Every structure is written in structure tokens, then in C-alpha cells.
Amino acid sequence: MTAPRLMLLDSASLYFRAYFGVPDSLKSPDGQPVNAVRGLLDFITRLVQDHRPDQLVACMDADWRPQWRVDLIPTYKTHRLAAEPSFEGEEEIPDTLSPQVPVIEQVLDALGLARIGSPGYEADDVIGTLTTRATGPVQIVTGDRDLFQLVDDARRITVLYPVKGVGQAQVIDEAALREKYGVTGSQYADMAALRGDPSDGLPGVKGIGEKTAAQLIHEYGDLAGIRAAAADPLSKLTPARRKNLLEGAAYLDVAPTVVRVATDVPVPELDLTLPREPLDPMTLEALSERWGLGTSLTRLLDTLAAAH
């Protein structure tokens, strides 16, 4: 029996893209924006049409800023805790995305699409765990480069990285990683730790950007090899680079744990099979009427029915 083809959605990454890519003129009958909801449904339709997965999971952030990561690096995602303060006299822009997230969850559940989060963990960790357990090929759909660390040609694990919507997604495999970053999937997390990531509040090591990090990994194999070279006065590291690596020791002690996705988080046992028909048609119909999901939902239902 052929192992099932599994597609894992980094749901927040996708509904953020939908929210900013689909006009907020798409509204429910009572005038509330539903652009993220309808945009995500359109994304799923296109993904199923283009890639024909046997199984599909919407992976959720049960905790987008887990305390165990913050305990290790207090600046982790700090800047996302609050929006930038508005200028005096500037009208505050209302948050029209957050109210759409529960609607997305209700619609996915009524459709019968598997939706998984794990308390105390991010969607990335759920994706890492499900990828580790998978027996067949896996496609991870995300706009988050952190998940490039899971790419593995031998296990047929690739990332679909949306360039413009999901219809134009770049397939990230080992060759794409080597071409763009000079590292493999298994080396990507070490590079990310060295380089840092301002968008995640990770400072990185002073003076080490992406290219330097890749060069050091190429020369010394991995982060442990680089740190051993920094501690060895006879190694070929320049004095400045050695100094920066040694001064960054406290950060490098904890960064790999923060950067690497967890691969052993508790996830419920659910049927991951792509549904042919909705699990709860009456609830789905009520949601469609309440929120005006229209052709976005009917296209997805038609696609699911035809996908088997």
C-alpha cells in the first residue's frame, strides 16, 4: 500500500497572507470583513487542486510565544506583543483579523479538515512532530523560513513557500536551499541561530550574517564544530570572528533550542484524510449564510468531492 501524501498548513502564516492579499471589501451580510476566511478557503482549494494530497492538516498556534522559549531568550517575539503606538491624532486602525480566526476554525471543523494545535507550542512544533511521524511524502505550506530546517530529500519532505498567493509557490528542497543559502535542511537551524532573526527577536552573533554563517557551517560542519573552532586558539578563525563567537556563547547555549522546531509534542490522534464531503453539513451551511462565504466555500466543496 502506498504511503499517504501529507500536506501540513502553517495556518496562521496562510490566513495572514490571505488577510493582507484579499481586499477587505469582502464582507459578511452584516458588514464584517471575511477576507481572511474566504482567502484561506481559496488557498486550500488551490493547494488541493494543484498538489492532490491524501491527507491535510491545518496546524494551529496554540501558543504563538511559548513561555519555554521566552525563558531561554526573553526577547523572543517581544515586538509582536503590542502594535506600534499610533501617532497623536492618527486614527487607530481596528483589528479586523482576530475576529475572523474563530470563524476559520469553525469552518474547518465543519468541513472535517483536521485542525491540530498543542498547548504550549507553536504551529511549527506541530508541523515538526507530524513530519517526523510521517511515513510518506510531506509538503509543508508556509511563508515562514524557519520550517526550511525540516526539508529532507531522503524522506521526501519539501516546503511550498508562497511567492504570490499559493498558486505561485516556490518548492523548497535540498537543491533550493543549497542554491539560496549554501546549507542543507539539517544545517538550516544552525545557520538561523548564528544569523539571528530580528522579526523573531533573535539577536544572532555580532558580525555574522547569512553568508558568513553558511561559510562557517561549510568549513566546520555545524554549530558545535564552529564553537569548538572558536575555543581553539590554533583554528583558522579570524580574531574578530573568534571574539564575537566567544562573546556570544551565552546566546549560542540556548538559541538552538529556541530556533529548532520541536518534534515530539503531544498531538491528538485524528483522521488526517482529506474529506470528500463535509463532516457537519448543517453547521457548515449555517456558517456560510452567517458569514457570506459564497463561492469560496462552494469551490472548495466541489474540489474536495472531485479529489477522490
C-alpha atoms as a PDB file:
ATOM      1  CA  MET A   1       0.000   0.000   0.000  1.00  0.00           C
ATOM      2  CA  THR A   2       1.370   3.409  -0.971  1.00  0.00           C
ATOM      3  CA  ALA A   3       2.110   5.728   1.962  1.00  0.00           C
ATOM      4  CA  PRO A   4      -0.239   8.745   2.021  1.00  0.00           C
ATOM      5  CA  ARG A   5       0.882  12.153   0.766  1.00  0.00           C
ATOM      6  CA  LEU A   6       0.568  14.534   3.700  1.00  0.00           C
ATOM      7  CA  MET A   7       0.108  18.304   3.396  1.00  0.00           C
ATOM      8  CA  LEU A   8       0.655  20.434   6.516  1.00  0.00           C
ATOM      9  CA  LEU A   9      -0.636  24.009   6.564  1.00  0.00           C
ATOM     10  CA  ASP A  10       1.016  26.659   8.713  1.00  0.00           C
ATOM     11  CA  SER A  11      -2.444  28.108   9.193  1.00  0.00           C
ATOM     12  CA  ALA A  12      -1.583  31.488  10.735  1.00  0.00           C
ATOM     13  CA  SER A  13       1.024  32.155   8.049  1.00  0.00           C
ATOM     14  CA  LEU A  14      -1.600  31.459   5.377  1.00  0.00           C
ATOM     15  CA  TYR A  15      -4.509  33.388   6.849  1.00  0.00           C
ATOM     16  CA  PHE A  16      -2.210  36.372   7.431  1.00  0.00           C
ATOM     17  CA  ARG A  17      -1.329  36.246   3.745  1.00  0.00           C
ATOM     18  CA  ALA A  18      -4.980  35.917   2.847  1.00  0.00           C
ATOM     19  CA  TYR A  19      -5.889  38.856   5.087  1.00  0.00           C
ATOM     20  CA  PHE A  20      -3.332  41.167   3.520  1.00  0.00           C
ATOM     21  CA  GLY A  21      -3.750  39.829  -0.007  1.00  0.00           C
ATOM     22  CA  VAL A  22      -7.537  39.748  -0.327  1.00  0.00           C
ATOM     23  CA  PRO A  23      -9.498  43.044  -0.279  1.00  0.00           C
ATOM     24  CA  ASP A  24     -11.318  43.777   2.976  1.00  0.00           C
ATOM     25  CA  SER A  25     -14.309  44.758   0.855  1.00  0.00           C
ATOM     26  CA  LEU A  26     -15.234  41.063   1.138  1.00  0.00           C
ATOM     27  CA  LYS A  27     -17.746  41.259   3.969  1.00  0.00           C
ATOM     28  CA  SER A  28     -20.387  39.164   5.688  1.00  0.00           C
ATOM     29  CA  PRO A  29     -24.074  40.068   5.231  1.00  0.00           C
ATOM     30  CA  ASP A  30     -23.869  42.250   8.358  1.00  0.00           C
ATOM     31  CA  GLY A  31     -20.766  44.076   7.109  1.00  0.00           C
ATOM     32  CA  GLN A  32     -17.907  42.321   8.937  1.00  0.00           C
ATOM     33  CA  PRO A  33     -14.716  41.597   6.937  1.00  0.00           C
ATOM     34  CA  VAL A  34     -14.285  37.938   5.945  1.00  0.00           C
ATOM     35  CA  ASN A  35     -11.296  38.369   3.621  1.00  0.00           C
ATOM     36  CA  ALA A  36      -9.030  36.107   5.723  1.00  0.00           C
ATOM     37  CA  VAL A  37     -11.690  33.391   5.930  1.00  0.00           C
ATOM     38  CA  ARG A  38     -12.525  33.393   2.234  1.00  0.00           C
ATOM     39  CA  GLY A  39      -8.891  33.863   1.210  1.00  0.00           C
ATOM     40  CA  LEU A  40      -7.809  30.821   3.249  1.00  0.00           C
ATOM     41  CA  LEU A  41     -10.596  28.694   1.742  1.00  0.00           C
ATOM     42  CA  ASP A  42      -9.439  29.789  -1.726  1.00  0.00           C
ATOM     43  CA  PHE A  43      -5.852  28.869  -0.790  1.00  0.00           C
ATOM     44  CA  ILE A  44      -6.883  25.376   0.346  1.00  0.00           C
ATOM     45  CA  THR A  45      -8.887  24.863  -2.852  1.00  0.00           C
ATOM     46  CA  ARG A  46      -5.866  25.766  -4.977  1.00  0.00           C
ATOM     47  CA  LEU A  47      -3.496  23.617  -2.927  1.00  0.00           C
ATOM     48  CA  VAL A  48      -5.743  20.554  -3.212  1.00  0.00           C
ATOM     49  CA  GLN A  49      -6.229  21.115  -6.950  1.00  0.00           C
ATOM     50  CA  ASP A  50      -2.505  21.598  -7.645  1.00  0.00           C
ATOM     51  CA  HIS A  51      -0.945  19.026  -5.302  1.00  0.00           C
ATOM     52  CA  ARG A  52      -3.583  16.350  -4.634  1.00  0.00           C
ATOM     53  CA  PRO A  53      -2.671  15.428  -1.046  1.00  0.00           C
ATOM     54  CA  ASP A  54      -4.209  12.334   0.524  1.00  0.00           C
ATOM     55  CA  GLN A  55      -4.114  13.911   3.976  1.00  0.00           C
ATOM     56  CA  LEU A  56      -4.263  17.553   5.035  1.00  0.00           C
ATOM     57  CA  VAL A  57      -3.821  19.186   8.449  1.00  0.00           C
ATOM     58  CA  ALA A  58      -4.383  22.806   9.422  1.00  0.00           C
ATOM     59  CA  CYS A  59      -1.689  23.276  12.090  1.00  0.00           C
ATOM     60  CA  MET A  60      -2.509  25.963  14.646  1.00  0.00           C
ATOM     61  CA  ASP A  61      -0.625  28.150  17.128  1.00  0.00           C
ATOM     62  CA  ALA A  62      -1.998  27.049  20.496  1.00  0.00           C
ATOM     63  CA  ASP A  63       0.674  29.389  21.868  1.00  0.00           C
ATOM     64  CA  TRP A  64       2.466  31.678  19.398  1.00  0.00           C
ATOM     65  CA  ARG A  65       5.047  32.749  22.020  1.00  0.00           C
ATOM     66  CA  PRO A  66       5.647  29.737  24.271  1.00  0.00           C
ATOM     67  CA  GLN A  67       6.971  30.560  27.728  1.00  0.00           C
ATOM     68  CA  TRP A  68       9.709  27.934  27.493  1.00  0.00           C
ATOM     69  CA  ARG A  69      11.180  29.771  24.502  1.00  0.00           C
ATOM     70  CA  VAL A  70      10.827  33.162  26.234  1.00  0.00           C
ATOM     71  CA  ASP A  71      12.567  31.761  29.346  1.00  0.00           C
ATOM     72  CA  LEU A  72      15.588  30.949  27.174  1.00  0.00           C
ATOM     73  CA  ILE A  73      15.580  34.163  25.098  1.00  0.00           C
ATOM     74  CA  PRO A  74      13.416  36.896  26.730  1.00  0.00           C
ATOM     75  CA  THR A  75      13.361  38.985  23.538  1.00  0.00           C
ATOM     76  CA  TYR A  76      11.660  36.159  21.607  1.00  0.00           C
ATOM     77  CA  LYS A  77       8.842  37.764  19.565  1.00  0.00           C
ATOM     78  CA  THR A  78       8.696  40.668  22.038  1.00  0.00           C
ATOM     79  CA  HIS A  79       7.948  43.200  19.311  1.00  0.00           C
ATOM     80  CA  ARG A  80       4.776  41.315  18.372  1.00  0.00           C
ATOM     81  CA  LEU A  81       3.242  41.729  21.825  1.00  0.00           C
ATOM     82  CA  ALA A  82       1.851  45.162  21.006  1.00  0.00           C
ATOM     83  CA  ALA A  83       1.273  47.142  17.854  1.00  0.00           C
ATOM     84  CA  GLU A  84       3.374  50.218  17.222  1.00  0.00           C
ATOM     85  CA  PRO A  85       1.904  53.218  19.081  1.00  0.00           C
ATOM     86  CA  SER A  86      -0.125  55.420  16.779  1.00  0.00           C
ATOM     87  CA  PHE A  87       0.885  59.000  16.108  1.00  0.00           C
ATOM     88  CA  GLU A  88      -1.024  61.673  18.004  1.00  0.00           C
ATOM     89  CA  GLY A  89      -4.235  62.422  16.191  1.00  0.00           C
ATOM     90  CA  GLU A  90      -3.896  59.372  13.946  1.00  0.00           C
ATOM     91  CA  GLU A  91      -6.974  57.212  13.803  1.00  0.00           C
ATOM     92  CA  GLU A  92      -6.311  53.773  15.285  1.00  0.00           C
ATOM     93  CA  ILE A  93      -6.778  51.005  12.723  1.00  0.00           C
ATOM     94  CA  PRO A  94      -9.270  48.440  14.036  1.00  0.00           C
ATOM     95  CA  ASP A  95      -8.175  44.812  14.273  1.00  0.00           C
ATOM     96  CA  THR A  96     -10.325  43.030  11.728  1.00  0.00           C
ATOM     97  CA  LEU A  97      -8.246  39.842  11.562  1.00  0.00           C
ATOM     98  CA  SER A  98      -8.585  38.409  15.107  1.00  0.00           C
ATOM     99  CA  PRO A  99     -12.408  38.133  14.920  1.00  0.00           C
ATOM    100  CA  GLN A 100     -12.026  36.037  11.751  1.00  0.00           C
ATOM    101  CA  VAL A 101      -9.817  33.358  13.366  1.00  0.00           C
ATOM    102  CA  PRO A 102     -12.641  31.627  15.325  1.00  0.00           C
ATOM    103  CA  VAL A 103     -14.722  31.646  12.141  1.00  0.00           C
ATOM    104  CA  ILE A 104     -11.859  29.954  10.265  1.00  0.00           C
ATOM    105  CA  GLU A 105     -11.652  27.296  12.997  1.00  0.00           C
ATOM    106  CA  GLN A 106     -15.419  26.664  12.952  1.00  0.00           C
ATOM    107  CA  VAL A 107     -15.480  26.345   9.162  1.00  0.00           C
ATOM    108  CA  LEU A 108     -12.500  23.945   9.089  1.00  0.00           C
ATOM    109  CA  ASP A 109     -14.126  21.806  11.783  1.00  0.00           C
ATOM    110  CA  ALA A 110     -17.493  21.689   9.983  1.00  0.00           C
ATOM    111  CA  LEU A 111     -15.704  20.728   6.767  1.00  0.00           C
ATOM    112  CA  GLY A 112     -13.986  17.863   8.582  1.00  0.00           C
ATOM    113  CA  LEU A 113     -10.475  19.102   7.793  1.00  0.00           C
ATOM    114  CA  ALA A 114      -8.079  18.038  10.561  1.00  0.00           C
ATOM    115  CA  ARG A 115      -7.087  21.014  12.737  1.00  0.00           C
ATOM    116  CA  ILE A 116      -4.353  20.462  15.315  1.00  0.00           C
ATOM    117  CA  GLY A 117      -2.704  22.644  17.937  1.00  0.00           C
ATOM    118  CA  SER A 118      -0.784  21.616  21.065  1.00  0.00           C
ATOM    119  CA  PRO A 119      -0.937  23.621  24.332  1.00  0.00           C
ATOM    120  CA  GLY A 120       2.344  25.449  24.974  1.00  0.00           C
ATOM    121  CA  TYR A 121       3.579  25.018  21.408  1.00  0.00           C
ATOM    122  CA  GLU A 122       3.544  26.840  18.093  1.00  0.00           C
ATOM    123  CA  ALA A 123       2.177  25.508  14.811  1.00  0.00           C
ATOM    124  CA  ASP A 124       5.816  24.977  13.735  1.00  0.00           C
ATOM    125  CA  ASP A 125       6.208  22.405  16.513  1.00  0.00           C
ATOM    126  CA  VAL A 126       3.042  20.565  15.486  1.00  0.00           C
ATOM    127  CA  ILE A 127       4.368  20.538  11.914  1.00  0.00           C
ATOM    128  CA  GLY A 128       7.747  19.239  13.121  1.00  0.00           C
ATOM    129  CA  THR A 129       6.075  16.446  15.078  1.00  0.00           C
ATOM    130  CA  LEU A 130       3.711  15.350  12.297  1.00  0.00           C
ATOM    131  CA  THR A 131       6.574  15.487   9.776  1.00  0.00           C
ATOM    132  CA  THR A 132       8.735  13.283  11.997  1.00  0.00           C
ATOM    133  CA  ARG A 133       5.940  10.712  12.292  1.00  0.00           C
ATOM    134  CA  ALA A 134       5.004  10.696   8.603  1.00  0.00           C
ATOM    135  CA  THR A 135       5.672   7.561   6.564  1.00  0.00           C
ATOM    136  CA  GLY A 136       5.151   9.124   3.133  1.00  0.00           C
ATOM    137  CA  PRO A 137       5.984  12.384   1.357  1.00  0.00           C
ATOM    138  CA  VAL A 138       5.208  15.635   3.181  1.00  0.00           C
ATOM    139  CA  GLN A 139       4.535  19.100   1.786  1.00  0.00           C
ATOM    140  CA  ILE A 140       4.652  21.935   4.317  1.00  0.00           C
ATOM    141  CA  VAL A 141       2.867  25.089   3.186  1.00  0.00           C
ATOM    142  CA  THR A 142       4.265  28.156   4.953  1.00  0.00           C
ATOM    143  CA  GLY A 143       5.622  31.639   4.461  1.00  0.00           C
ATOM    144  CA  ASP A 144       7.940  31.108   7.456  1.00  0.00           C
ATOM    145  CA  ARG A 145      11.543  30.290   6.571  1.00  0.00           C
ATOM    146  CA  ASP A 146      12.110  28.640   9.969  1.00  0.00           C
ATOM    147  CA  LEU A 147      10.450  25.496   8.625  1.00  0.00           C
ATOM    148  CA  PHE A 148      13.147  25.108   5.950  1.00  0.00           C
ATOM    149  CA  GLN A 149      15.011  23.139   8.645  1.00  0.00           C
ATOM    150  CA  LEU A 150      12.606  20.224   8.045  1.00  0.00           C
ATOM    151  CA  VAL A 151      13.441  19.869   4.334  1.00  0.00           C
ATOM    152  CA  ASP A 152      14.832  16.413   3.672  1.00  0.00           C
ATOM    153  CA  ASP A 153      15.108  14.922   0.180  1.00  0.00           C
ATOM    154  CA  ALA A 154      15.677  11.407   1.507  1.00  0.00           C
ATOM    155  CA  ARG A 155      12.336  11.492   3.329  1.00  0.00           C
ATOM    156  CA  ARG A 156      10.603  13.478   0.537  1.00  0.00           C
ATOM    157  CA  ILE A 157       9.873  16.466   2.776  1.00  0.00           C
ATOM    158  CA  THR A 158       9.552  19.771   0.929  1.00  0.00           C
ATOM    159  CA  VAL A 159       8.253  23.242   1.722  1.00  0.00           C
ATOM    160  CA  LEU A 160       5.820  25.101  -0.525  1.00  0.00           C
ATOM    161  CA  TYR A 161       6.786  28.738   0.028  1.00  0.00           C
ATOM    162  CA  PRO A 162       4.142  31.126  -1.346  1.00  0.00           C
ATOM    163  CA  VAL A 163       5.594  33.827  -3.575  1.00  0.00           C
ATOM    164  CA  LYS A 164       2.324  35.397  -4.645  1.00  0.00           C
ATOM    165  CA  GLY A 165      -0.638  33.569  -3.191  1.00  0.00           C
ATOM    166  CA  VAL A 166      -0.348  29.798  -3.106  1.00  0.00           C
ATOM    167  CA  GLY A 167      -0.764  29.424  -6.853  1.00  0.00           C
ATOM    168  CA  GLN A 168       2.803  30.657  -7.259  1.00  0.00           C
ATOM    169  CA  ALA A 169       4.605  28.714  -4.558  1.00  0.00           C
ATOM    170  CA  GLN A 170       8.318  28.006  -4.687  1.00  0.00           C
ATOM    171  CA  VAL A 171       9.179  24.375  -3.968  1.00  0.00           C
ATOM    172  CA  ILE A 172      11.958  24.342  -1.388  1.00  0.00           C
ATOM    173  CA  ASP A 173      14.020  21.156  -1.499  1.00  0.00           C
ATOM    174  CA  GLU A 174      17.680  20.491  -0.672  1.00  0.00           C
ATOM    175  CA  ALA A 175      18.833  21.871  -4.033  1.00  0.00           C
ATOM    176  CA  ALA A 176      16.912  25.121  -3.497  1.00  0.00           C
ATOM    177  CA  LEU A 177      18.403  25.506  -0.013  1.00  0.00           C
ATOM    178  CA  ARG A 178      21.941  24.905  -1.244  1.00  0.00           C
ATOM    179  CA  GLU A 179      21.452  27.385  -4.074  1.00  0.00           C
ATOM    180  CA  LYS A 180      19.962  30.147  -1.938  1.00  0.00           C
ATOM    181  CA  TYR A 181      21.657  29.646   1.436  1.00  0.00           C
ATOM    182  CA  GLY A 182      24.546  27.245   0.897  1.00  0.00           C
ATOM    183  CA  VAL A 183      23.243  24.828   3.548  1.00  0.00           C
ATOM    184  CA  THR A 184      21.127  21.681   3.790  1.00  0.00           C
ATOM    185  CA  GLY A 185      17.842  21.342   5.663  1.00  0.00           C
ATOM    186  CA  SER A 186      19.579  19.765   8.644  1.00  0.00           C
ATOM    187  CA  GLN A 187      22.041  22.702   8.781  1.00  0.00           C
ATOM    188  CA  TYR A 188      19.435  25.446   8.388  1.00  0.00           C
ATOM    189  CA  ALA A 189      18.615  25.825  12.112  1.00  0.00           C
ATOM    190  CA  ASP A 190      22.312  26.290  12.978  1.00  0.00           C
ATOM    191  CA  MET A 191      22.594  28.970  10.303  1.00  0.00           C
ATOM    192  CA  ALA A 192      19.436  30.673  11.592  1.00  0.00           C
ATOM    193  CA  ALA A 193      20.752  30.683  15.160  1.00  0.00           C
ATOM    194  CA  LEU A 194      24.067  32.246  14.104  1.00  0.00           C
ATOM    195  CA  ARG A 195      22.431  34.776  11.793  1.00  0.00           C
ATOM    196  CA  GLY A 196      19.621  35.689  14.158  1.00  0.00           C
ATOM    197  CA  ASP A 197      16.237  36.973  13.086  1.00  0.00           C
ATOM    198  CA  PRO A 198      15.035  40.449  14.095  1.00  0.00           C
ATOM    199  CA  SER A 199      11.441  39.508  13.197  1.00  0.00           C
ATOM    200  CA  ASP A 200      11.562  36.832  15.925  1.00  0.00           C
ATOM    201  CA  GLY A 201      13.621  38.841  18.414  1.00  0.00           C
ATOM    202  CA  LEU A 202      16.699  36.620  17.953  1.00  0.00           C
ATOM    203  CA  PRO A 203      19.865  38.757  18.116  1.00  0.00           C
ATOM    204  CA  GLY A 204      22.258  36.332  16.431  1.00  0.00           C
ATOM    205  CA  VAL A 205      26.028  36.615  16.790  1.00  0.00           C
ATOM    206  CA  LYS A 206      27.550  40.035  16.205  1.00  0.00           C
ATOM    207  CA  GLY A 207      29.123  40.370  12.758  1.00  0.00           C
ATOM    208  CA  ILE A 208      27.692  37.093  11.424  1.00  0.00           C
ATOM    209  CA  GLY A 209      25.088  37.391   8.692  1.00  0.00           C
ATOM    210  CA  GLU A 210      23.584  34.747   6.466  1.00  0.00           C
ATOM    211  CA  LYS A 211      26.555  34.286   4.116  1.00  0.00           C
ATOM    212  CA  THR A 212      29.134  34.193   6.907  1.00  0.00           C
ATOM    213  CA  ALA A 213      27.033  31.705   8.870  1.00  0.00           C
ATOM    214  CA  ALA A 214      26.767  29.436   5.809  1.00  0.00           C
ATOM    215  CA  GLN A 215      30.513  29.740   5.179  1.00  0.00           C
ATOM    216  CA  LEU A 216      31.323  28.769   8.779  1.00  0.00           C
ATOM    217  CA  ILE A 217      28.959  25.789   8.620  1.00  0.00           C
ATOM    218  CA  HIS A 218      30.583  24.717   5.359  1.00  0.00           C
ATOM    219  CA  GLU A 219      34.040  24.899   6.979  1.00  0.00           C
ATOM    220  CA  TYR A 220      33.240  23.387  10.389  1.00  0.00           C
ATOM    221  CA  GLY A 221      30.168  21.212   9.745  1.00  0.00           C
ATOM    222  CA  ASP A 222      27.733  22.516  12.334  1.00  0.00           C
ATOM    223  CA  LEU A 223      27.340  24.908  15.248  1.00  0.00           C
ATOM    224  CA  ALA A 224      29.197  22.585  17.629  1.00  0.00           C
ATOM    225  CA  GLY A 225      32.143  22.475  15.214  1.00  0.00           C
ATOM    226  CA  ILE A 226      32.147  26.266  14.873  1.00  0.00           C
ATOM    227  CA  ARG A 227      32.109  26.745  18.642  1.00  0.00           C
ATOM    228  CA  ALA A 228      34.920  24.231  19.053  1.00  0.00           C
ATOM    229  CA  ALA A 229      36.951  26.199  16.497  1.00  0.00           C
ATOM    230  CA  ALA A 230      36.266  29.426  18.398  1.00  0.00           C
ATOM    231  CA  ALA A 231      37.585  27.813  21.576  1.00  0.00           C
ATOM    232  CA  ASP A 232      40.713  26.511  19.786  1.00  0.00           C
ATOM    233  CA  PRO A 233      43.414  29.180  19.552  1.00  0.00           C
ATOM    234  CA  LEU A 234      45.039  27.255  16.686  1.00  0.00           C
ATOM    235  CA  SER A 235      41.966  27.264  14.430  1.00  0.00           C
ATOM    236  CA  LYS A 236      41.824  29.413  11.285  1.00  0.00           C
ATOM    237  CA  LEU A 237      39.110  31.760  12.597  1.00  0.00           C
ATOM    238  CA  THR A 238      39.979  35.438  12.426  1.00  0.00           C
ATOM    239  CA  PRO A 239      40.500  37.119  15.821  1.00  0.00           C
ATOM    240  CA  ALA A 240      37.397  39.281  15.369  1.00  0.00           C
ATOM    241  CA  ARG A 241      35.186  36.341  14.467  1.00  0.00           C
ATOM    242  CA  ARG A 242      36.572  34.247  17.320  1.00  0.00           C
ATOM    243  CA  LYS A 243      35.926  37.112  19.743  1.00  0.00           C
ATOM    244  CA  ASN A 244      32.330  37.561  18.567  1.00  0.00           C
ATOM    245  CA  LEU A 245      31.588  33.839  18.794  1.00  0.00           C
ATOM    246  CA  LEU A 246      33.059  33.584  22.306  1.00  0.00           C
ATOM    247  CA  GLU A 247      31.195  36.701  23.453  1.00  0.00           C
ATOM    248  CA  GLY A 248      28.002  35.214  22.019  1.00  0.00           C
ATOM    249  CA  ALA A 249      28.448  31.979  23.999  1.00  0.00           C
ATOM    250  CA  ALA A 250      25.519  32.554  26.365  1.00  0.00           C
ATOM    251  CA  TYR A 251      23.209  33.212  23.418  1.00  0.00           C
ATOM    252  CA  LEU A 252      24.533  30.201  21.486  1.00  0.00           C
ATOM    253  CA  ASP A 253      23.940  27.974  24.520  1.00  0.00           C
ATOM    254  CA  VAL A 254      20.163  28.492  24.231  1.00  0.00           C
ATOM    255  CA  ALA A 255      19.488  29.672  20.658  1.00  0.00           C
ATOM    256  CA  PRO A 256      19.410  26.212  19.032  1.00  0.00           C
ATOM    257  CA  THR A 257      16.638  25.061  21.391  1.00  0.00           C
ATOM    258  CA  VAL A 258      14.584  28.157  20.574  1.00  0.00           C
ATOM    259  CA  VAL A 259      15.204  28.020  16.808  1.00  0.00           C
ATOM    260  CA  ARG A 260      14.712  24.290  16.270  1.00  0.00           C
ATOM    261  CA  VAL A 261      11.125  23.154  15.946  1.00  0.00           C
ATOM    262  CA  ALA A 262      10.038  20.561  18.473  1.00  0.00           C
ATOM    263  CA  THR A 263       9.410  17.132  17.001  1.00  0.00           C
ATOM    264  CA  ASP A 264       7.805  15.321  19.915  1.00  0.00           C
ATOM    265  CA  VAL A 265       4.872  17.462  21.064  1.00  0.00           C
ATOM    266  CA  PRO A 266       1.618  15.816  22.175  1.00  0.00           C
ATOM    267  CA  VAL A 267      -0.862  15.834  19.301  1.00  0.00           C
ATOM    268  CA  PRO A 268      -4.282  14.179  19.268  1.00  0.00           C
ATOM    269  CA  GLU A 269      -4.959  11.100  17.199  1.00  0.00           C
ATOM    270  CA  LEU A 270      -7.183  12.382  14.395  1.00  0.00           C
ATOM    271  CA  ASP A 271      -8.168  11.131  10.970  1.00  0.00           C
ATOM    272  CA  LEU A 272      -5.997  13.253   8.671  1.00  0.00           C
ATOM    273  CA  THR A 273      -7.648  12.040   5.470  1.00  0.00           C
ATOM    274  CA  LEU A 274      -8.818  14.746   3.103  1.00  0.00           C
ATOM    275  CA  PRO A 275     -12.620  14.656   3.489  1.00  0.00           C
ATOM    276  CA  ARG A 276     -14.779  14.013   0.458  1.00  0.00           C
ATOM    277  CA  GLU A 277     -17.832  15.675   1.942  1.00  0.00           C
ATOM    278  CA  PRO A 278     -18.363  17.958   4.959  1.00  0.00           C
ATOM    279  CA  LEU A 279     -18.415  16.419   8.418  1.00  0.00           C
ATOM    280  CA  ASP A 280     -21.255  18.673   9.590  1.00  0.00           C
ATOM    281  CA  PRO A 281     -23.226  19.954   6.566  1.00  0.00           C
ATOM    282  CA  MET A 282     -25.889  21.769   8.593  1.00  0.00           C
ATOM    283  CA  THR A 283     -23.378  23.724  10.666  1.00  0.00           C
ATOM    284  CA  LEU A 284     -21.386  24.485   7.530  1.00  0.00           C
ATOM    285  CA  GLU A 285     -24.473  25.798   5.749  1.00  0.00           C
ATOM    286  CA  ALA A 286     -25.311  27.999   8.731  1.00  0.00           C
ATOM    287  CA  LEU A 287     -21.749  29.362   8.837  1.00  0.00           C
ATOM    288  CA  SER A 288     -21.837  30.019   5.098  1.00  0.00           C
ATOM    289  CA  GLU A 289     -25.052  32.009   5.402  1.00  0.00           C
ATOM    290  CA  ARG A 290     -23.927  33.854   8.547  1.00  0.00           C
ATOM    291  CA  TRP A 291     -20.600  34.907   7.076  1.00  0.00           C
ATOM    292  CA  GLY A 292     -21.363  35.043   3.363  1.00  0.00           C
ATOM    293  CA  LEU A 293     -18.735  32.507   2.326  1.00  0.00           C
ATOM    294  CA  GLY A 294     -20.329  32.091  -1.116  1.00  0.00           C
ATOM    295  CA  THR A 295     -18.213  30.787  -3.973  1.00  0.00           C
ATOM    296  CA  SER A 296     -15.087  30.397  -1.786  1.00  0.00           C
ATOM    297  CA  LEU A 297     -16.821  27.588   0.088  1.00  0.00           C
ATOM    298  CA  THR A 298     -18.650  26.027  -2.855  1.00  0.00           C
ATOM    299  CA  ARG A 299     -15.405  25.845  -4.882  1.00  0.00           C
ATOM    300  CA  LEU A 300     -13.658  24.095  -2.004  1.00  0.00           C
ATOM    301  CA  LEU A 301     -16.524  21.632  -1.547  1.00  0.00           C
ATOM    302  CA  ASP A 302     -16.513  20.856  -5.276  1.00  0.00           C
ATOM    303  CA  THR A 303     -12.725  20.393  -5.190  1.00  0.00           C
ATOM    304  CA  LEU A 304     -12.861  18.051  -2.186  1.00  0.00           C
ATOM    305  CA  ALA A 305     -15.606  15.961  -3.846  1.00  0.00           C
ATOM    306  CA  ALA A 306     -13.533  15.650  -7.015  1.00  0.00           C
ATOM    307  CA  ALA A 307     -10.238  14.938  -5.252  1.00  0.00           C
ATOM    308  CA  HIS A 308     -11.041  11.273  -4.554  1.00  0.00           C
END
